[in-house]
Amino acid sequence: MQKIVINRCHGGFSLSDEAMKLYGKLAGWTLVAEIDKYGFTNFYRDSVGDGNYFGNHNIERDDPLLVQVLEQLGSKADGRYAKLKVVEVPDGVCWTLEEYDGLEWVAETHRTWS
């Protein structure tokens, strides 16, 4: 089975600071945190700089380290306005993420025409 991380509430996918730090540790990186003027934490690999920015959107949803973070932290991995869940999809299924207003589900990829 393939494991995929999705967001199960309106708002959108995001990881908590604790989850980001654990992901970096599991990946063997040194993540540097910087709080911006709005109170949000931005993470950078090795040093603060635009070329080193590392955010939630840089992680594939089927990344084994991301799945490990979710399984280890549970709800502590949820970012602002997120309720994350690991779903299992049979091996070999070509999938895509679908969403409405931040609420996500996994759908089997199929053909469409317009």
PDB file of N, CA and C in Angstrom:
ATOM      1  N   MET A   1       0.842  -1.194   0.000  1.00  0.00           N
ATOM      2  CA  MET A   1       0.000   0.000   0.000  1.00  0.00           C
ATOM      3  C   MET A   1       0.882   1.251   0.000  1.00  0.00           C
ATOM      4  N   GLN A   2       0.439   2.265  -0.748  1.00  0.00           N
ATOM      5  CA  GLN A   2       1.102   3.572  -0.756  1.00  0.00           C
ATOM      6  C   GLN A   2       0.485   4.426   0.351  1.00  0.00           C
ATOM      7  N   LYS A   3       1.318   5.135   1.103  1.00  0.00           N
ATOM      8  CA  LYS A   3       0.823   6.031   2.137  1.00  0.00           C
ATOM      9  C   LYS A   3       0.978   7.464   1.658  1.00  0.00           C
ATOM     10  N   ILE A   4      -0.113   8.238   1.813  1.00  0.00           N
ATOM     11  CA  ILE A   4      -0.171   9.609   1.311  1.00  0.00           C
ATOM     12  C   ILE A   4      -0.748  10.498   2.416  1.00  0.00           C
ATOM     13  N   VAL A   5      -0.160  11.672   2.608  1.00  0.00           N
ATOM     14  CA  VAL A   5      -0.624  12.610   3.630  1.00  0.00           C
ATOM     15  C   VAL A   5      -1.566  13.627   2.993  1.00  0.00           C
ATOM     16  N   ILE A   6      -2.738  13.775   3.617  1.00  0.00           N
ATOM     17  CA  ILE A   6      -3.725  14.748   3.136  1.00  0.00           C
ATOM     18  C   ILE A   6      -4.209  15.610   4.302  1.00  0.00           C
ATOM     19  N   ASN A   7      -4.855  16.711   3.965  1.00  0.00           N
ATOM     20  CA  ASN A   7      -5.482  17.584   4.952  1.00  0.00           C
ATOM     21  C   ASN A   7      -6.978  17.306   4.957  1.00  0.00           C
ATOM     22  N   ARG A   8      -7.561  17.076   6.124  1.00  0.00           N
ATOM     23  CA  ARG A   8      -8.965  16.708   6.224  1.00  0.00           C
ATOM     24  C   ARG A   8      -9.848  17.799   6.819  1.00  0.00           C
ATOM     25  N   CYS A   9      -9.457  19.050   6.664  1.00  0.00           N
ATOM     26  CA  CYS A   9     -10.336  20.130   7.087  1.00  0.00           C
ATOM     27  C   CYS A   9     -10.155  21.307   6.131  1.00  0.00           C
ATOM     28  N   HIS A  10     -11.124  22.198   6.123  1.00  0.00           N
ATOM     29  CA  HIS A  10     -10.992  23.393   5.295  1.00  0.00           C
ATOM     30  C   HIS A  10      -9.863  24.249   5.868  1.00  0.00           C
ATOM     31  N   GLY A  11      -9.095  24.841   5.005  1.00  0.00           N
ATOM     32  CA  GLY A  11      -7.989  25.689   5.434  1.00  0.00           C
ATOM     33  C   GLY A  11      -6.745  25.426   4.621  1.00  0.00           C
ATOM     34  N   GLY A  12      -6.286  24.201   4.566  1.00  0.00           N
ATOM     35  CA  GLY A  12      -5.136  23.889   3.741  1.00  0.00           C
ATOM     36  C   GLY A  12      -4.048  23.124   4.462  1.00  0.00           C
ATOM     37  N   PHE A  13      -3.265  22.414   3.676  1.00  0.00           N
ATOM     38  CA  PHE A  13      -2.168  21.609   4.183  1.00  0.00           C
ATOM     39  C   PHE A  13      -1.074  22.499   4.761  1.00  0.00           C
ATOM     40  N   SER A  14      -0.643  22.187   5.967  1.00  0.00           N
ATOM     41  CA  SER A  14       0.547  22.819   6.551  1.00  0.00           C
ATOM     42  C   SER A  14       1.017  21.964   7.708  1.00  0.00           C
ATOM     43  N   LEU A  15       2.310  22.056   7.972  1.00  0.00           N
ATOM     44  CA  LEU A  15       2.919  21.324   9.072  1.00  0.00           C
ATOM     45  C   LEU A  15       3.229  22.265  10.221  1.00  0.00           C
ATOM     46  N   SER A  16       3.162  21.745  11.429  1.00  0.00           N
ATOM     47  CA  SER A  16       3.556  22.517  12.602  1.00  0.00           C
ATOM     48  C   SER A  16       5.069  22.729  12.580  1.00  0.00           C
ATOM     49  N   ASP A  17       5.533  23.677  13.377  1.00  0.00           N
ATOM     50  CA  ASP A  17       6.970  23.900  13.489  1.00  0.00           C
ATOM     51  C   ASP A  17       7.666  22.638  13.995  1.00  0.00           C
ATOM     52  N   GLU A  18       7.045  21.959  14.935  1.00  0.00           N
ATOM     53  CA  GLU A  18       7.616  20.724  15.478  1.00  0.00           C
ATOM     54  C   GLU A  18       7.770  19.669  14.374  1.00  0.00           C
ATOM     55  N   ALA A  19       6.773  19.567  13.506  1.00  0.00           N
ATOM     56  CA  ALA A  19       6.827  18.603  12.405  1.00  0.00           C
ATOM     57  C   ALA A  19       7.913  18.970  11.400  1.00  0.00           C
ATOM     58  N   MET A  20       8.041  20.252  11.111  1.00  0.00           N
ATOM     59  CA  MET A  20       9.085  20.688  10.183  1.00  0.00           C
ATOM     60  C   MET A  20      10.471  20.360  10.741  1.00  0.00           C
ATOM     61  N   LYS A  21      10.663  20.621  12.026  1.00  0.00           N
ATOM     62  CA  LYS A  21      11.951  20.334  12.655  1.00  0.00           C
ATOM     63  C   LYS A  21      12.256  18.839  12.630  1.00  0.00           C
ATOM     64  N   LEU A  22      11.252  18.011  12.918  1.00  0.00           N
ATOM     65  CA  LEU A  22      11.457  16.566  12.893  1.00  0.00           C
ATOM     66  C   LEU A  22      11.754  16.092  11.472  1.00  0.00           C
ATOM     67  N   TYR A  23      11.046  16.631  10.482  1.00  0.00           N
ATOM     68  CA  TYR A  23      11.312  16.262   9.091  1.00  0.00           C
ATOM     69  C   TYR A  23      12.768  16.571   8.732  1.00  0.00           C
ATOM     70  N   GLY A  24      13.225  17.762   9.081  1.00  0.00           N
ATOM     71  CA  GLY A  24      14.609  18.145   8.807  1.00  0.00           C
ATOM     72  C   GLY A  24      15.600  17.215   9.495  1.00  0.00           C
ATOM     73  N   LYS A  25      15.316  16.868  10.738  1.00  0.00           N
ATOM     74  CA  LYS A  25      16.198  15.964  11.485  1.00  0.00           C
ATOM     75  C   LYS A  25      16.250  14.589  10.816  1.00  0.00           C
ATOM     76  N   LEU A  26      15.089  14.051  10.435  1.00  0.00           N
ATOM     77  CA  LEU A  26      15.041  12.741   9.783  1.00  0.00           C
ATOM     78  C   LEU A  26      15.753  12.755   8.429  1.00  0.00           C
ATOM     79  N   ALA A  27      15.703  13.911   7.749  1.00  0.00           N
ATOM     80  CA  ALA A  27      16.365  14.044   6.453  1.00  0.00           C
ATOM     81  C   ALA A  27      17.872  14.270   6.607  1.00  0.00           C
ATOM     82  N   GLY A  28      18.320  14.525   7.831  1.00  0.00           N
ATOM     83  CA  GLY A  28      19.739  14.759   8.070  1.00  0.00           C
ATOM     84  C   GLY A  28      20.180  16.176   7.756  1.00  0.00           C
ATOM     85  N   TRP A  29      19.253  17.102   7.788  1.00  0.00           N
ATOM     86  CA  TRP A  29      19.540  18.498   7.470  1.00  0.00           C
ATOM     87  C   TRP A  29      19.668  19.328   8.739  1.00  0.00           C
ATOM     88  N   THR A  30      20.292  20.478   8.582  1.00  0.00           N
ATOM     89  CA  THR A  30      20.273  21.507   9.602  1.00  0.00           C
ATOM     90  C   THR A  30      19.270  22.550   9.139  1.00  0.00           C
ATOM     91  N   LEU A  31      18.112  22.601   9.792  1.00  0.00           N
ATOM     92  CA  LEU A  31      17.105  23.606   9.443  1.00  0.00           C
ATOM     93  C   LEU A  31      17.245  24.789  10.386  1.00  0.00           C
ATOM     94  N   VAL A  32      17.272  25.972   9.817  1.00  0.00           N
ATOM     95  CA  VAL A  32      17.354  27.209  10.581  1.00  0.00           C
ATOM     96  C   VAL A  32      15.979  27.866  10.526  1.00  0.00           C
ATOM     97  N   ALA A  33      15.458  28.231  11.682  1.00  0.00           N
ATOM     98  CA  ALA A  33      14.138  28.855  11.763  1.00  0.00           C
ATOM     99  C   ALA A  33      14.281  30.368  11.911  1.00  0.00           C
ATOM    100  N   GLU A  34      13.382  31.099  11.241  1.00  0.00           N
ATOM    101  CA  GLU A  34      13.341  32.554  11.359  1.00  0.00           C
ATOM    102  C   GLU A  34      11.870  32.968  11.463  1.00  0.00           C
ATOM    103  N   ILE A  35      11.549  33.759  12.452  1.00  0.00           N
ATOM    104  CA  ILE A  35      10.180  34.260  12.623  1.00  0.00           C
ATOM    105  C   ILE A  35      10.051  35.546  11.818  1.00  0.00           C
ATOM    106  N   ASP A  36       9.036  35.596  10.943  1.00  0.00           N
ATOM    107  CA  ASP A  36       8.856  36.810  10.141  1.00  0.00           C
ATOM    108  C   ASP A  36       8.040  37.854  10.906  1.00  0.00           C
ATOM    109  N   LYS A  37       7.830  38.997  10.286  1.00  0.00           N
ATOM    110  CA  LYS A  37       7.155  40.107  10.979  1.00  0.00           C
ATOM    111  C   LYS A  37       5.686  39.813  11.290  1.00  0.00           C
ATOM    112  N   TYR A  38       5.119  38.748  10.684  1.00  0.00           N
ATOM    113  CA  TYR A  38       3.726  38.379  10.936  1.00  0.00           C
ATOM    114  C   TYR A  38       3.606  37.266  11.974  1.00  0.00           C
ATOM    115  N   GLY A  39       4.749  36.823  12.506  1.00  0.00           N
ATOM    116  CA  GLY A  39       4.737  35.784  13.516  1.00  0.00           C
ATOM    117  C   GLY A  39       4.794  34.365  12.971  1.00  0.00           C
ATOM    118  N   PHE A  40       4.993  34.221  11.663  1.00  0.00           N
ATOM    119  CA  PHE A  40       5.104  32.894  11.062  1.00  0.00           C
ATOM    120  C   PHE A  40       6.567  32.456  11.058  1.00  0.00           C
ATOM    121  N   THR A  41       6.788  31.169  11.239  1.00  0.00           N
ATOM    122  CA  THR A  41       8.144  30.630  11.205  1.00  0.00           C
ATOM    123  C   THR A  41       8.478  30.192   9.790  1.00  0.00           C
ATOM    124  N   ASN A  42       9.587  30.664   9.284  1.00  0.00           N
ATOM    125  CA  ASN A  42      10.111  30.232   7.981  1.00  0.00           C
ATOM    126  C   ASN A  42      11.337  29.375   8.245  1.00  0.00           C
ATOM    127  N   PHE A  43      11.481  28.316   7.456  1.00  0.00           N
ATOM    128  CA  PHE A  43      12.618  27.411   7.635  1.00  0.00           C
ATOM    129  C   PHE A  43      13.534  27.479   6.424  1.00  0.00           C
ATOM    130  N   TYR A  44      14.830  27.342   6.712  1.00  0.00           N
ATOM    131  CA  TYR A  44      15.864  27.387   5.679  1.00  0.00           C
ATOM    132  C   TYR A  44      16.832  26.243   5.917  1.00  0.00           C
ATOM    133  N   ARG A  45      17.342  25.676   4.837  1.00  0.00           N
ATOM    134  CA  ARG A  45      18.372  24.640   4.964  1.00  0.00           C
ATOM    135  C   ARG A  45      19.721  25.320   5.130  1.00  0.00           C
ATOM    136  N   ASP A  46      20.383  25.033   6.217  1.00  0.00           N
ATOM    137  CA  ASP A  46      21.740  25.482   6.540  1.00  0.00           C
ATOM    138  C   ASP A  46      21.851  26.942   6.955  1.00  0.00           C
ATOM    139  N   SER A  47      21.278  27.881   6.204  1.00  0.00           N
ATOM    140  CA  SER A  47      21.374  29.298   6.573  1.00  0.00           C
ATOM    141  C   SER A  47      20.199  30.062   5.968  1.00  0.00           C
ATOM    142  N   VAL A  48      19.885  31.200   6.559  1.00  0.00           N
ATOM    143  CA  VAL A  48      18.778  32.029   6.085  1.00  0.00           C
ATOM    144  C   VAL A  48      19.158  32.662   4.750  1.00  0.00           C
ATOM    145  N   GLY A  49      18.298  32.487   3.776  1.00  0.00           N
ATOM    146  CA  GLY A  49      18.517  33.060   2.454  1.00  0.00           C
ATOM    147  C   GLY A  49      17.478  32.520   1.491  1.00  0.00           C
ATOM    148  N   ASP A  50      17.103  33.325   0.497  1.00  0.00           N
ATOM    149  CA  ASP A  50      16.040  32.924  -0.431  1.00  0.00           C
ATOM    150  C   ASP A  50      16.304  31.581  -1.098  1.00  0.00           C
ATOM    151  N   GLY A  51      17.528  31.310  -1.478  1.00  0.00           N
ATOM    152  CA  GLY A  51      17.846  30.053  -2.155  1.00  0.00           C
ATOM    153  C   GLY A  51      17.780  28.845  -1.241  1.00  0.00           C
ATOM    154  N   ASN A  52      17.714  29.067   0.057  1.00  0.00           N
ATOM    155  CA  ASN A  52      17.699  27.968   1.021  1.00  0.00           C
ATOM    156  C   ASN A  52      16.334  27.744   1.663  1.00  0.00           C
ATOM    157  N   TYR A  53      15.315  28.512   1.244  1.00  0.00           N
ATOM    158  CA  TYR A  53      13.989  28.390   1.860  1.00  0.00           C
ATOM    159  C   TYR A  53      13.463  26.976   1.695  1.00  0.00           C
ATOM    160  N   PHE A  54      12.885  26.441   2.771  1.00  0.00           N
ATOM    161  CA  PHE A  54      12.278  25.118   2.729  1.00  0.00           C
ATOM    162  C   PHE A  54      10.931  25.181   3.414  1.00  0.00           C
ATOM    163  N   GLY A  55       9.865  24.992   2.643  1.00  0.00           N
ATOM    164  CA  GLY A  55       8.517  25.076   3.188  1.00  0.00           C
ATOM    165  C   GLY A  55       7.727  23.804   2.961  1.00  0.00           C
ATOM    166  N   ASN A  56       6.508  23.796   3.477  1.00  0.00           N
ATOM    167  CA  ASN A  56       5.612  22.646   3.330  1.00  0.00           C
ATOM    168  C   ASN A  56       5.474  22.196   1.880  1.00  0.00           C
ATOM    169  N   HIS A  57       5.393  23.166   0.992  1.00  0.00           N
ATOM    170  CA  HIS A  57       5.141  22.855  -0.422  1.00  0.00           C
ATOM    171  C   HIS A  57       6.314  22.143  -1.084  1.00  0.00           C
ATOM    172  N   ASN A  58       7.460  22.079  -0.420  1.00  0.00           N
ATOM    173  CA  ASN A  58       8.625  21.396  -0.971  1.00  0.00           C
ATOM    174  C   ASN A  58       8.595  19.884  -0.721  1.00  0.00           C
ATOM    175  N   ILE A  59       7.612  19.410   0.011  1.00  0.00           N
ATOM    176  CA  ILE A  59       7.552  18.004   0.404  1.00  0.00           C
ATOM    177  C   ILE A  59       6.454  17.294  -0.396  1.00  0.00           C
ATOM    178  N   GLU A  60       6.817  16.200  -1.051  1.00  0.00           N
ATOM    179  CA  GLU A  60       5.826  15.383  -1.755  1.00  0.00           C
ATOM    180  C   GLU A  60       4.944  14.686  -0.730  1.00  0.00           C
ATOM    181  N   ARG A  61       3.674  14.544  -1.019  1.00  0.00           N
ATOM    182  CA  ARG A  61       2.742  13.985  -0.046  1.00  0.00           C
ATOM    183  C   ARG A  61       2.931  12.498   0.218  1.00  0.00           C
ATOM    184  N   ASP A  62       3.639  11.810  -0.669  1.00  0.00           N
ATOM    185  CA  ASP A  62       3.930  10.400  -0.435  1.00  0.00           C
ATOM    186  C   ASP A  62       5.367  10.187   0.041  1.00  0.00           C
ATOM    187  N   ASP A  63       6.010  11.250   0.461  1.00  0.00           N
ATOM    188  CA  ASP A  63       7.380  11.181   0.973  1.00  0.00           C
ATOM    189  C   ASP A  63       7.384  10.316   2.240  1.00  0.00           C
ATOM    190  N   PRO A  64       8.184   9.243   2.265  1.00  0.00           N
ATOM    191  CA  PRO A  64       8.213   8.373   3.444  1.00  0.00           C
ATOM    192  C   PRO A  64       8.582   9.111   4.735  1.00  0.00           C
ATOM    193  N   LEU A  65       9.418  10.133   4.657  1.00  0.00           N
ATOM    194  CA  LEU A  65       9.761  10.895   5.862  1.00  0.00           C
ATOM    195  C   LEU A  65       8.561  11.693   6.366  1.00  0.00           C
ATOM    196  N   LEU A  66       7.780  12.249   5.451  1.00  0.00           N
ATOM    197  CA  LEU A  66       6.568  12.976   5.847  1.00  0.00           C
ATOM    198  C   LEU A  66       5.591  12.029   6.525  1.00  0.00           C
ATOM    199  N   VAL A  67       5.408  10.859   5.955  1.00  0.00           N
ATOM    200  CA  VAL A  67       4.520   9.857   6.556  1.00  0.00           C
ATOM    201  C   VAL A  67       5.027   9.493   7.947  1.00  0.00           C
ATOM    202  N   GLN A  68       6.330   9.305   8.090  1.00  0.00           N
ATOM    203  CA  GLN A  68       6.920   8.976   9.393  1.00  0.00           C
ATOM    204  C   GLN A  68       6.664  10.084  10.404  1.00  0.00           C
ATOM    205  N   VAL A  69       6.807  11.331   9.987  1.00  0.00           N
ATOM    206  CA  VAL A  69       6.538  12.469  10.869  1.00  0.00           C
ATOM    207  C   VAL A  69       5.095  12.424  11.364  1.00  0.00           C
ATOM    208  N   LEU A  70       4.149  12.187  10.451  1.00  0.00           N
ATOM    209  CA  LEU A  70       2.733  12.132  10.835  1.00  0.00           C
ATOM    210  C   LEU A  70       2.459  10.980  11.775  1.00  0.00           C
ATOM    211  N   GLU A  71       3.023   9.824  11.476  1.00  0.00           N
ATOM    212  CA  GLU A  71       2.786   8.657  12.316  1.00  0.00           C
ATOM    213  C   GLU A  71       3.427   8.821  13.690  1.00  0.00           C
ATOM    214  N   GLN A  72       4.522   9.536  13.758  1.00  0.00           N
ATOM    215  CA  GLN A  72       5.212   9.743  15.031  1.00  0.00           C
ATOM    216  C   GLN A  72       4.552  10.825  15.875  1.00  0.00           C
ATOM    217  N   LEU A  73       4.170  11.941  15.260  1.00  0.00           N
ATOM    218  CA  LEU A  73       3.640  13.080  16.018  1.00  0.00           C
ATOM    219  C   LEU A  73       2.117  13.101  16.135  1.00  0.00           C
ATOM    220  N   GLY A  74       1.430  12.427  15.253  1.00  0.00           N
ATOM    221  CA  GLY A  74      -0.036  12.480  15.272  1.00  0.00           C
ATOM    222  C   GLY A  74      -0.520  13.899  15.043  1.00  0.00           C
ATOM    223  N   SER A  75      -1.488  14.343  15.835  1.00  0.00           N
ATOM    224  CA  SER A  75      -2.080  15.668  15.646  1.00  0.00           C
ATOM    225  C   SER A  75      -1.107  16.810  15.935  1.00  0.00           C
ATOM    226  N   LYS A  76       0.011  16.528  16.603  1.00  0.00           N
ATOM    227  CA  LYS A  76       1.025  17.560  16.852  1.00  0.00           C
ATOM    228  C   LYS A  76       1.713  17.983  15.553  1.00  0.00           C
ATOM    229  N   ALA A  77       1.524  17.213  14.486  1.00  0.00           N
ATOM    230  CA  ALA A  77       2.108  17.564  13.181  1.00  0.00           C
ATOM    231  C   ALA A  77       1.246  18.574  12.436  1.00  0.00           C
ATOM    232  N   ASP A  78       0.004  18.762  12.861  1.00  0.00           N
ATOM    233  CA  ASP A  78      -0.921  19.665  12.163  1.00  0.00           C
ATOM    234  C   ASP A  78      -0.461  21.112  12.248  1.00  0.00           C
ATOM    235  N   GLY A  79      -0.408  21.786  11.113  1.00  0.00           N
ATOM    236  CA  GLY A  79      -0.129  23.209  11.075  1.00  0.00           C
ATOM    237  C   GLY A  79      -1.393  24.002  11.331  1.00  0.00           C
ATOM    238  N   ARG A  80      -1.272  25.320  11.177  1.00  0.00           N
ATOM    239  CA  ARG A  80      -2.453  26.185  11.346  1.00  0.00           C
ATOM    240  C   ARG A  80      -3.525  25.777  10.359  1.00  0.00           C
ATOM    241  N   TYR A  81      -4.751  25.675  10.829  1.00  0.00           N
ATOM    242  CA  TYR A  81      -5.908  25.371   9.989  1.00  0.00           C
ATOM    243  C   TYR A  81      -5.755  24.048   9.249  1.00  0.00           C
ATOM    244  N   ALA A  82      -5.037  23.084   9.817  1.00  0.00           N
ATOM    245  CA  ALA A  82      -4.845  21.784   9.172  1.00  0.00           C
ATOM    246  C   ALA A  82      -5.192  20.661  10.136  1.00  0.00           C
ATOM    247  N   LYS A  83      -5.699  19.587   9.573  1.00  0.00           N
ATOM    248  CA  LYS A  83      -5.928  18.341  10.301  1.00  0.00           C
ATOM    249  C   LYS A  83      -5.430  17.244   9.371  1.00  0.00           C
ATOM    250  N   LEU A  84      -4.199  16.816   9.585  1.00  0.00           N
ATOM    251  CA  LEU A  84      -3.533  15.919   8.651  1.00  0.00           C
ATOM    252  C   LEU A  84      -3.842  14.463   8.948  1.00  0.00           C
ATOM    253  N   LYS A  85      -3.819  13.675   7.878  1.00  0.00           N
ATOM    254  CA  LYS A  85      -4.154  12.258   7.980  1.00  0.00           C
ATOM    255  C   LYS A  85      -3.333  11.492   6.950  1.00  0.00           C
ATOM    256  N   VAL A  86      -2.924  10.280   7.316  1.00  0.00           N
ATOM    257  CA  VAL A  86      -2.259   9.384   6.373  1.00  0.00           C
ATOM    258  C   VAL A  86      -3.322   8.438   5.820  1.00  0.00           C
ATOM    259  N   VAL A  87      -3.450   8.402   4.497  1.00  0.00           N
ATOM    260  CA  VAL A  87      -4.370   7.472   3.852  1.00  0.00           C
ATOM    261  C   VAL A  87      -3.556   6.456   3.054  1.00  0.00           C
ATOM    262  N   GLU A  88      -4.119   5.277   2.891  1.00  0.00           N
ATOM    263  CA  GLU A  88      -3.443   4.224   2.144  1.00  0.00           C
ATOM    264  C   GLU A  88      -4.178   3.968   0.837  1.00  0.00           C
ATOM    265  N   VAL A  89      -3.395   3.864  -0.217  1.00  0.00           N
ATOM    266  CA  VAL A  89      -3.911   3.616  -1.567  1.00  0.00           C
ATOM    267  C   VAL A  89      -3.192   2.370  -2.070  1.00  0.00           C
ATOM    268  N   PRO A  90      -3.906   1.460  -2.746  1.00  0.00           N
ATOM    269  CA  PRO A  90      -3.248   0.246  -3.241  1.00  0.00           C
ATOM    270  C   PRO A  90      -2.047   0.563  -4.134  1.00  0.00           C
ATOM    271  N   ASP A  91      -1.011  -0.262  -4.024  1.00  0.00           N
ATOM    272  CA  ASP A  91       0.163  -0.121  -4.882  1.00  0.00           C
ATOM    273  C   ASP A  91      -0.261  -0.179  -6.345  1.00  0.00           C
ATOM    274  N   GLY A  92       0.410   0.604  -7.165  1.00  0.00           N
ATOM    275  CA  GLY A  92       0.145   0.601  -8.595  1.00  0.00           C
ATOM    276  C   GLY A  92      -0.945   1.555  -9.047  1.00  0.00           C
ATOM    277  N   VAL A  93      -1.704   2.112  -8.106  1.00  0.00           N
ATOM    278  CA  VAL A  93      -2.752   3.072  -8.464  1.00  0.00           C
ATOM    279  C   VAL A  93      -2.099   4.413  -8.750  1.00  0.00           C
ATOM    280  N   CYS A  94      -2.402   4.975  -9.896  1.00  0.00           N
ATOM    281  CA  CYS A  94      -1.932   6.314 -10.243  1.00  0.00           C
ATOM    282  C   CYS A  94      -2.909   7.303  -9.611  1.00  0.00           C
ATOM    283  N   TRP A  95      -2.436   8.120  -8.690  1.00  0.00           N
ATOM    284  CA  TRP A  95      -3.323   8.976  -7.900  1.00  0.00           C
ATOM    285  C   TRP A  95      -2.984  10.449  -8.072  1.00  0.00           C
ATOM    286  N   THR A  96      -3.925  11.255  -7.652  1.00  0.00           N
ATOM    287  CA  THR A  96      -3.751  12.703  -7.616  1.00  0.00           C
ATOM    288  C   THR A  96      -4.481  13.241  -6.390  1.00  0.00           C
ATOM    289  N   LEU A  97      -4.074  14.419  -5.919  1.00  0.00           N
ATOM    290  CA  LEU A  97      -4.791  15.065  -4.817  1.00  0.00           C
ATOM    291  C   LEU A  97      -5.868  15.966  -5.391  1.00  0.00           C
ATOM    292  N   GLU A  98      -7.034  15.890  -4.825  1.00  0.00           N
ATOM    293  CA  GLU A  98      -8.133  16.794  -5.144  1.00  0.00           C
ATOM    294  C   GLU A  98      -8.439  17.573  -3.879  1.00  0.00           C
ATOM    295  N   GLU A  99      -9.001  18.753  -4.040  1.00  0.00           N
ATOM    296  CA  GLU A  99      -9.322  19.547  -2.849  1.00  0.00           C
ATOM    297  C   GLU A  99     -10.443  20.522  -3.132  1.00  0.00           C
ATOM    298  N   TYR A 100     -11.133  20.893  -2.060  1.00  0.00           N
ATOM    299  CA  TYR A 100     -12.107  21.968  -2.102  1.00  0.00           C
ATOM    300  C   TYR A 100     -11.873  22.820  -0.872  1.00  0.00           C
ATOM    301  N   ASP A 101     -11.464  24.055  -1.077  1.00  0.00           N
ATOM    302  CA  ASP A 101     -11.270  25.003   0.010  1.00  0.00           C
ATOM    303  C   ASP A 101     -10.306  24.470   1.075  1.00  0.00           C
ATOM    304  N   GLY A 102      -9.298  23.720   0.624  1.00  0.00           N
ATOM    305  CA  GLY A 102      -8.286  23.195   1.533  1.00  0.00           C
ATOM    306  C   GLY A 102      -8.547  21.792   2.044  1.00  0.00           C
ATOM    307  N   LEU A 103      -9.798  21.326   1.956  1.00  0.00           N
ATOM    308  CA  LEU A 103     -10.151  19.967   2.353  1.00  0.00           C
ATOM    309  C   LEU A 103      -9.751  19.031   1.219  1.00  0.00           C
ATOM    310  N   GLU A 104      -8.902  18.043   1.514  1.00  0.00           N
ATOM    311  CA  GLU A 104      -8.311  17.225   0.453  1.00  0.00           C
ATOM    312  C   GLU A 104      -8.768  15.772   0.508  1.00  0.00           C
ATOM    313  N   TRP A 105      -8.666  15.107  -0.641  1.00  0.00           N
ATOM    314  CA  TRP A 105      -8.857  13.672  -0.747  1.00  0.00           C
ATOM    315  C   TRP A 105      -7.984  13.174  -1.886  1.00  0.00           C
ATOM    316  N   VAL A 106      -7.724  11.870  -1.881  1.00  0.00           N
ATOM    317  CA  VAL A 106      -6.929  11.249  -2.934  1.00  0.00           C
ATOM    318  C   VAL A 106      -7.902  10.662  -3.949  1.00  0.00           C
ATOM    319  N   ALA A 107      -7.642  10.932  -5.233  1.00  0.00           N
ATOM    320  CA  ALA A 107      -8.481  10.398  -6.308  1.00  0.00           C
ATOM    321  C   ALA A 107      -7.599   9.636  -7.285  1.00  0.00           C
ATOM    322  N   GLU A 108      -8.169   8.596  -7.845  1.00  0.00           N
ATOM    323  CA  GLU A 108      -7.445   7.869  -8.878  1.00  0.00           C
ATOM    324  C   GLU A 108      -7.394   8.726 -10.133  1.00  0.00           C
ATOM    325  N   THR A 109      -6.214   8.820 -10.729  1.00  0.00           N
ATOM    326  CA  THR A 109      -6.048   9.612 -11.941  1.00  0.00           C
ATOM    327  C   THR A 109      -6.814   8.943 -13.074  1.00  0.00           C
ATOM    328  N   HIS A 110      -7.538   9.744 -13.809  1.00  0.00           N
ATOM    329  CA  HIS A 110      -8.275   9.226 -14.958  1.00  0.00           C
ATOM    330  C   HIS A 110      -8.181  10.243 -16.090  1.00  0.00           C
ATOM    331  N   ARG A 111      -8.714   9.881 -17.209  1.00  0.00           N
ATOM    332  CA  ARG A 111      -8.633  10.772 -18.368  1.00  0.00           C
ATOM    333  C   ARG A 111      -9.824  11.715 -18.389  1.00  0.00           C
ATOM    334  N   THR A 112      -9.568  12.958 -18.800  1.00  0.00           N
ATOM    335  CA  THR A 112     -10.651  13.934 -18.976  1.00  0.00           C
ATOM    336  C   THR A 112     -10.379  14.709 -20.270  1.00  0.00           C
ATOM    337  N   TRP A 113     -11.441  15.179 -20.880  1.00  0.00           N
ATOM    338  CA  TRP A 113     -11.350  15.999 -22.081  1.00  0.00           C
ATOM    339  C   TRP A 113     -12.282  17.191 -21.924  1.00  0.00           C
ATOM    340  N   SER A 114     -11.930  18.276 -22.590  1.00  0.00           N
ATOM    341  CA  SER A 114     -12.855  19.423 -22.586  1.00  0.00           C
ATOM    342  C   SER A 114     -12.757  20.157 -23.902  1.00  0.00           C
TER     343      SER A 114
END
